[in-house]
C-alpha atoms as a PDB file:
ATOM      1  CA  MET A   1      80.999 145.925 -22.225  1.00  0.00           C
ATOM      2  CA  CYS A   2      83.811 147.840 -22.658  1.00  0.00           C
ATOM      3  CA  ALA A   3      86.917 146.915 -25.516  1.00  0.00           C
ATOM      4  CA  PRO A   4      90.051 145.526 -25.068  1.00  0.00           C
ATOM      5  CA  VAL A   5      92.866 147.734 -23.421  1.00  0.00           C
ATOM      6  CA  GLN A   6      96.431 146.825 -23.638  1.00  0.00           C
ATOM      7  CA  ALA A   7      97.758 147.624 -20.167  1.00  0.00           C
ATOM      8  CA  PRO A   8     101.241 148.322 -18.693  1.00  0.00           C
ATOM      9  CA  TYR A   9     103.507 144.747 -19.438  1.00  0.00           C
ATOM     10  CA  GLY A  10     101.172 143.857 -22.224  1.00  0.00           C
ATOM     11  CA  LEU A  11      98.578 142.557 -20.074  1.00  0.00           C
ATOM     12  CA  ALA A  12      94.975 142.691 -21.831  1.00  0.00           C
ATOM     13  CA  LEU A  13      92.029 144.279 -19.767  1.00  0.00           C
ATOM     14  CA  VAL A  14      88.902 142.857 -21.466  1.00  0.00           C
ATOM     15  CA  GLU A  15      86.843 144.837 -19.244  1.00  0.00           C
ATOM     16  CA  VAL A  16      88.398 147.780 -17.749  1.00  0.00           C
ATOM     17  CA  SER A  17      84.696 148.862 -15.701  1.00  0.00           C
ATOM     18  CA  ALA A  18      85.669 145.764 -13.655  1.00  0.00           C
ATOM     19  CA  ILE A  19      88.997 146.664 -12.971  1.00  0.00           C
ATOM     20  CA  ASN A  20      88.934 149.476  -9.700  1.00  0.00           C
ATOM     21  CA  ALA A  21      89.898 152.309 -11.869  1.00  0.00           C
ATOM     22  CA  GLU A  22      92.840 153.635  -8.362  1.00  0.00           C
ATOM     23  CA  ARG A  23      94.505 150.077  -9.014  1.00  0.00           C
ATOM     24  CA  ILE A  24      94.768 151.488 -13.077  1.00  0.00           C
ATOM     25  CA  GLN A  25      96.012 154.794 -11.661  1.00  0.00           C
ATOM     26  CA  ILE A  26      98.703 153.323  -9.047  1.00  0.00           C
ATOM     27  CA  LEU A  27     100.289 150.476 -11.578  1.00  0.00           C
ATOM     28  CA  THR A  28      99.602 152.985 -14.716  1.00  0.00           C
ATOM     29  CA  MET A  29     102.006 155.386 -12.140  1.00  0.00           C
ATOM     30  CA  LEU A  30     104.515 152.234 -11.934  1.00  0.00           C
ATOM     31  CA  HIS A  31     104.563 151.876 -15.594  1.00  0.00           C
ATOM     32  CA  GLU A  32     105.649 155.669 -16.346  1.00  0.00           C
ATOM     33  CA  GLY A  33     108.400 155.174 -13.590  1.00  0.00           C
ATOM     34  CA  LYS A  34     106.765 158.081 -10.931  1.00  0.00           C
ATOM     35  CA  ILE A  35     106.504 155.939  -8.639  1.00  0.00           C
ATOM     36  CA  SER A  36     108.704 152.895  -6.873  1.00  0.00           C
ATOM     37  CA  VAL A  37     107.759 149.063  -6.723  1.00  0.00           C
ATOM     38  CA  ALA A  38     107.414 149.487  -2.961  1.00  0.00           C
ATOM     39  CA  GLU A  39     105.161 152.138  -3.179  1.00  0.00           C
ATOM     40  CA  ALA A  40     102.860 150.733  -5.743  1.00  0.00           C
ATOM     41  CA  GLU A  41     102.785 147.571  -3.256  1.00  0.00           C
ATOM     42  CA  ARG A  42     101.877 150.118  -0.160  1.00  0.00           C
ATOM     43  CA  LEU A  43      99.433 152.374  -2.240  1.00  0.00           C
ATOM     44  CA  LEU A  44      97.635 148.893  -3.780  1.00  0.00           C
ATOM     45  CA  GLU A  45      97.153 147.653   0.095  1.00  0.00           C
ATOM     46  CA  ALA A  46      96.162 150.755   1.386  1.00  0.00           C
ATOM     47  CA  ILE A  47      93.059 150.941  -1.198  1.00  0.00           C
ATOM     48  CA  ALA A  48      92.211 146.856  -0.680  1.00  0.00           C
ATOM     49  CA  GLY A  49      91.818 147.901   3.093  1.00  0.00           C
ATOM     50  CA  GLY A  50      90.367 145.313   5.699  1.00  0.00           C
ATOM     51  CA  GLU A  51      92.362 142.307   7.824  1.00  0.00           C
ATOM     52  CA  ARG A  52      94.161 139.848   5.442  1.00  0.00           C
ATOM     53  CA  THR A  53      94.763 136.107   6.581  1.00  0.00           C
ATOM     54  CA  ASP A  54      98.010 134.549   6.708  1.00  0.00           C
ATOM     55  CA  GLU A  55      97.705 133.130   3.228  1.00  0.00           C
ATOM     56  CA  GLU A  56      97.450 136.703   1.741  1.00  0.00           C
ATOM     57  CA  ARG A  57      99.993 138.492   4.471  1.00  0.00           C
ATOM     58  CA  PHE A  58     103.271 138.148   3.396  1.00  0.00           C
ATOM     59  CA  LEU A  59     106.729 138.203   5.099  1.00  0.00           C
ATOM     60  CA  ARG A  60     109.128 140.950   3.331  1.00  0.00           C
ATOM     61  CA  LEU A  61     112.836 140.250   3.677  1.00  0.00           C
ATOM     62  CA  ARG A  62     115.016 142.631   2.731  1.00  0.00           C
ATOM     63  CA  ILE A  63     118.527 143.280   1.904  1.00  0.00           C
ATOM     64  CA  THR A  64     120.849 146.739   2.139  1.00  0.00           C
ATOM     65  CA  GLU A  65     123.773 147.591   0.916  1.00  0.00           C
ATOM     66  CA  ARG A  66     125.302 150.640   0.862  1.00  0.00           C
ATOM     67  CA  ASP A  67     121.568 152.289   1.495  1.00  0.00           C
ATOM     68  CA  GLN A  68     120.998 150.492  -1.716  1.00  0.00           C
ATOM     69  CA  VAL A  69     118.379 147.677  -1.738  1.00  0.00           C
ATOM     70  CA  ALA A  70     120.074 144.541  -2.755  1.00  0.00           C
ATOM     71  CA  ALA A  71     117.161 142.319  -2.073  1.00  0.00           C
ATOM     72  CA  SER A  72     113.613 141.892  -1.723  1.00  0.00           C
ATOM     73  CA  ILE A  73     111.848 139.138  -1.263  1.00  0.00           C
ATOM     74  CA  ARG A  74     108.172 138.384  -0.023  1.00  0.00           C
ATOM     75  CA  ILE A  75     107.334 135.760   0.872  1.00  0.00           C
ATOM     76  CA  PRO A  76     103.469 133.982   2.060  1.00  0.00           C
ATOM     77  CA  LEU A  77     102.947 133.847   5.947  1.00  0.00           C
ATOM     78  CA  GLY A  78     101.351 130.563   5.259  1.00  0.00           C
ATOM     79  CA  LEU A  79     104.708 129.381   3.178  1.00  0.00           C
ATOM     80  CA  VAL A  80     106.466 130.639   6.217  1.00  0.00           C
ATOM     81  CA  GLU A  81     104.970 128.848   8.737  1.00  0.00           C
ATOM     82  CA  ARG A  82     104.536 125.141   6.494  1.00  0.00           C
ATOM     83  CA  LEU A  83     108.479 125.339   5.718  1.00  0.00           C
ATOM     84  CA  LEU A  84     108.634 126.494   9.835  1.00  0.00           C
ATOM     85  CA  SER A  85     106.718 123.480  10.824  1.00  0.00           C
ATOM     86  CA  ALA A  86     108.471 121.571   8.314  1.00  0.00           C
ATOM     87  CA  ALA A  87     111.640 122.670   9.592  1.00  0.00           C
ATOM     88  CA  ARG A  88     110.386 121.686  12.990  1.00  0.00           C
ATOM     89  CA  SER A  89     110.186 118.233  11.930  1.00  0.00           C
ATOM     90  CA  ALA A  90     113.580 117.588  10.317  1.00  0.00           C
ATOM     91  CA  SER A  91     114.599 118.793  13.878  1.00  0.00           C
ATOM     92  CA  GLN A  92     113.235 116.436  15.296  1.00  0.00           C
ATOM     93  CA  ALA A  93     113.765 113.644  13.653  1.00  0.00           C
ATOM     94  CA  GLY A  94     117.082 114.039  13.611  1.00  0.00           C
ATOM     95  CA  ILE A  95     118.535 115.537  11.128  1.00  0.00           C
ATOM     96  CA  GLU A  96     121.420 118.088  11.672  1.00  0.00           C
ATOM     97  CA  TRP A  97     121.527 121.695   9.579  1.00  0.00           C
ATOM     98  CA  PRO A  98     124.828 122.603   9.694  1.00  0.00           C
ATOM     99  CA  SER A  99     125.604 119.311   7.613  1.00  0.00           C
ATOM    100  CA  VAL A 100     123.053 119.772   5.327  1.00  0.00           C
ATOM    101  CA  LEU A 101     123.769 123.290   4.990  1.00  0.00           C
ATOM    102  CA  SER A 102     127.454 122.020   4.279  1.00  0.00           C
ATOM    103  CA  LYS A 103     126.478 119.378   1.836  1.00  0.00           C
ATOM    104  CA  ILE A 104     124.117 122.053   0.173  1.00  0.00           C
ATOM    105  CA  GLN A 105     127.078 124.968  -0.193  1.00  0.00           C
ATOM    106  CA  ALA A 106     129.269 121.790  -1.532  1.00  0.00           C
ATOM    107  CA  GLY A 107     127.734 121.736  -4.623  1.00  0.00           C
ATOM    108  CA  MET A 108     125.256 118.226  -3.912  1.00  0.00           C
ATOM    109  CA  GLY A 109     122.105 117.730  -5.289  1.00  0.00           C
ATOM    110  CA  GLY A 110     119.451 114.934  -5.163  1.00  0.00           C
ATOM    111  CA  ARG A 111     118.254 113.723  -2.019  1.00  0.00           C
ATOM    112  CA  LEU A 112     120.665 114.627   1.228  1.00  0.00           C
ATOM    113  CA  VAL A 113     118.798 112.876   4.236  1.00  0.00           C
ATOM    114  CA  GLU A 114     116.602 110.480   4.237  1.00  0.00           C
ATOM    115  CA  ILE A 115     114.788 109.293   7.145  1.00  0.00           C
ATOM    116  CA  GLU A 116     112.124 106.359   8.523  1.00  0.00           C
ATOM    117  CA  GLU A 117     110.287 107.283  11.633  1.00  0.00           C
ATOM    118  CA  PRO A 118     108.527 103.513  11.582  1.00  0.00           C
ATOM    119  CA  ASN A 119     106.902 104.654  14.800  1.00  0.00           C
ATOM    120  CA  GLU A 120     106.058 107.768  14.328  1.00  0.00           C
ATOM    121  CA  ASP A 121     104.571 106.573  10.927  1.00  0.00           C
ATOM    122  CA  ARG A 122     106.756 109.683   9.524  1.00  0.00           C
ATOM    123  CA  LYS A 123     109.469 109.855   6.884  1.00  0.00           C
ATOM    124  CA  VAL A 124     111.661 112.764   6.486  1.00  0.00           C
ATOM    125  CA  GLU A 125     113.523 113.388   2.783  1.00  0.00           C
ATOM    126  CA  ILE A 126     115.236 116.810   1.868  1.00  0.00           C
ATOM    127  CA  LEU A 127     116.134 117.055  -1.965  1.00  0.00           C
ATOM    128  CA  VAL A 128     117.911 119.810  -3.227  1.00  0.00           C
ATOM    129  CA  GLU A 129     116.684 119.573  -7.229  1.00  0.00           C
END
């Protein structure tokens, strides 16, 4: 059994032999600043290989300003699908999204919308926490 090894960012690796050496090398290069986060992700995905399920795949939203990445957000596709389904249900229940967004922008919090549809056995709520 291998002795514990201190990894980048304070992560303790209890058994080095259980972790793929290529992954360790990629994470080390990332930690040392030799590659970017995007490059590390690409390399890790390449060595992982195989098809991924929607729960393992991500939607990336990248915003650039003046050729600089201002924001990069990864959202699991499974979550995106659930959010779209919930938004569709809310729209079918008569929720007017522009009204909801204006309430949020005005700083309102708590329950913004509550619609009960007894015939459909459905209740739709939109809350800001």
